[in-house]
Protein backbone atom coordinates (compact mmCIF):
# COMPACT_ATOMS: atom_id res chain seq x y z
CA MET A 1 37.34 -6.97 -15.69
CA LEU A 2 35.93 -7.78 -12.82
CA ALA A 3 32.54 -6.60 -11.29
CA VAL A 4 31.63 -6.69 -7.62
CA ALA A 5 27.95 -6.15 -6.44
CA ALA A 6 27.33 -4.29 -3.52
CA GLY A 7 24.73 -6.50 -2.45
CA PRO A 8 21.20 -7.72 -3.46
CA ALA A 9 19.85 -6.16 -6.87
CA GLU A 10 16.44 -4.20 -5.50
CA HIS A 11 13.61 -5.56 -7.53
CA ARG A 12 10.29 -3.16 -8.11
CA TRP A 13 7.38 -3.21 -5.62
CA THR A 14 4.02 -2.08 -6.64
CA LEU A 15 1.40 -0.70 -3.91
CA TRP A 16 -1.84 -2.25 -4.15
CA GLU A 17 -4.81 -1.07 -2.27
CA ARG A 18 -8.53 -2.23 -1.98
CA PRO A 19 -11.75 -0.75 -0.34
CA VAL A 20 -12.99 -2.24 2.98
CA ASP A 21 -16.18 -1.54 5.41
CA VAL A 22 -15.05 -0.28 8.69
CA ASN A 23 -15.25 -3.98 10.38
CA GLY A 24 -13.02 -4.99 7.66
CA ARG A 25 -14.87 -7.81 6.53
CA ASP A 26 -16.57 -6.77 2.76
CA HIS A 27 -13.63 -6.38 0.62
CA GLY A 28 -13.17 -4.48 -2.65
CA GLU A 29 -11.20 -5.59 -5.72
CA TRP A 30 -7.49 -5.21 -5.30
CA ARG A 31 -6.12 -2.20 -7.26
CA ARG A 32 -2.46 -1.41 -8.52
CA THR A 33 -1.90 1.99 -7.75
CA GLN A 34 1.92 2.72 -8.59
CA VAL A 35 5.04 0.42 -9.12
CA TYR A 36 8.46 1.76 -6.84
CA GLU A 37 12.39 1.37 -7.62
CA GLY A 38 12.29 -1.02 -4.39
CA GLU A 39 10.15 -2.05 -1.35
CA ARG A 40 11.40 0.88 1.08
CA TRP A 41 9.97 3.05 -1.43
CA CYS A 42 6.39 1.28 -1.75
CA LYS A 43 6.54 0.62 2.06
CA GLY A 44 6.83 5.07 2.52
CA ALA A 45 4.27 5.46 -0.17
CA MET A 46 2.19 3.19 1.80
CA THR A 47 2.55 4.96 5.08
CA THR A 48 2.15 8.29 3.76
CA ALA A 49 -1.46 6.69 1.61
CA ILE A 50 -2.78 4.95 5.37
CA ASN A 51 -1.82 8.77 7.14
CA ARG A 52 -3.70 10.39 4.18
CA THR A 53 -6.73 7.99 4.65
CA LEU A 54 -6.87 8.67 8.23
CA ARG A 55 -6.47 12.02 8.43
CA ALA A 56 -9.37 12.37 5.42
CA GLY A 57 -11.67 10.17 8.00
CA TRP A 58 -10.80 11.65 11.29
CA LYS A 59 -13.88 14.33 12.09
CA GLY A 60 -13.92 16.35 15.53
CA GLY A 61 -11.92 13.90 17.25
CA ARG A 62 -13.85 10.69 16.12
CA TRP A 63 -13.83 8.52 12.97
CA ASP A 64 -16.39 9.52 10.33
CA PRO A 65 -18.72 6.03 9.64
CA LYS A 66 -18.86 7.40 6.25
CA ALA A 67 -15.17 7.64 5.40
CA LYS A 68 -13.70 5.48 3.34
CA VAL A 69 -11.54 2.74 4.70
CA VAL A 70 -8.56 1.32 2.49
CA GLU A 71 -6.22 -1.99 3.04
CA TYR A 72 -3.19 -1.76 1.13
CA GLN A 73 -0.31 -4.15 0.60
CA CYS A 74 3.11 -3.40 -0.95
CA LEU A 75 4.36 -6.80 -3.40
CA PRO A 76 7.27 -7.82 -5.81
CA GLU A 77 5.98 -6.47 -8.91
CA THR A 78 5.74 -10.22 -10.39
CA GLU A 79 3.08 -10.72 -7.78
CA LYS A 80 -0.57 -10.11 -6.94
CA PRO A 81 -2.66 -9.68 -3.78
CA ARG A 82 -4.13 -13.11 -2.49
CA GLU A 83 -7.80 -12.40 -1.45
């Protein structure tokens, strides 16, 4: 019996997030949010999270200085974000 793979196996990917100040200087701790079956699913979830954060911070035609600012990363499940 012969098995042929259609392409490289997808690995699980983790979406990470951490709070940052508006200027991107003061970083909080990275937090694992969810694990996905592939990179494209993780990046899709990251895009959704970014859009949600931006919509929440945009008030009356300008950025609310009190709004939450978040940095996101998608990484293979076995990797952690670098500081």
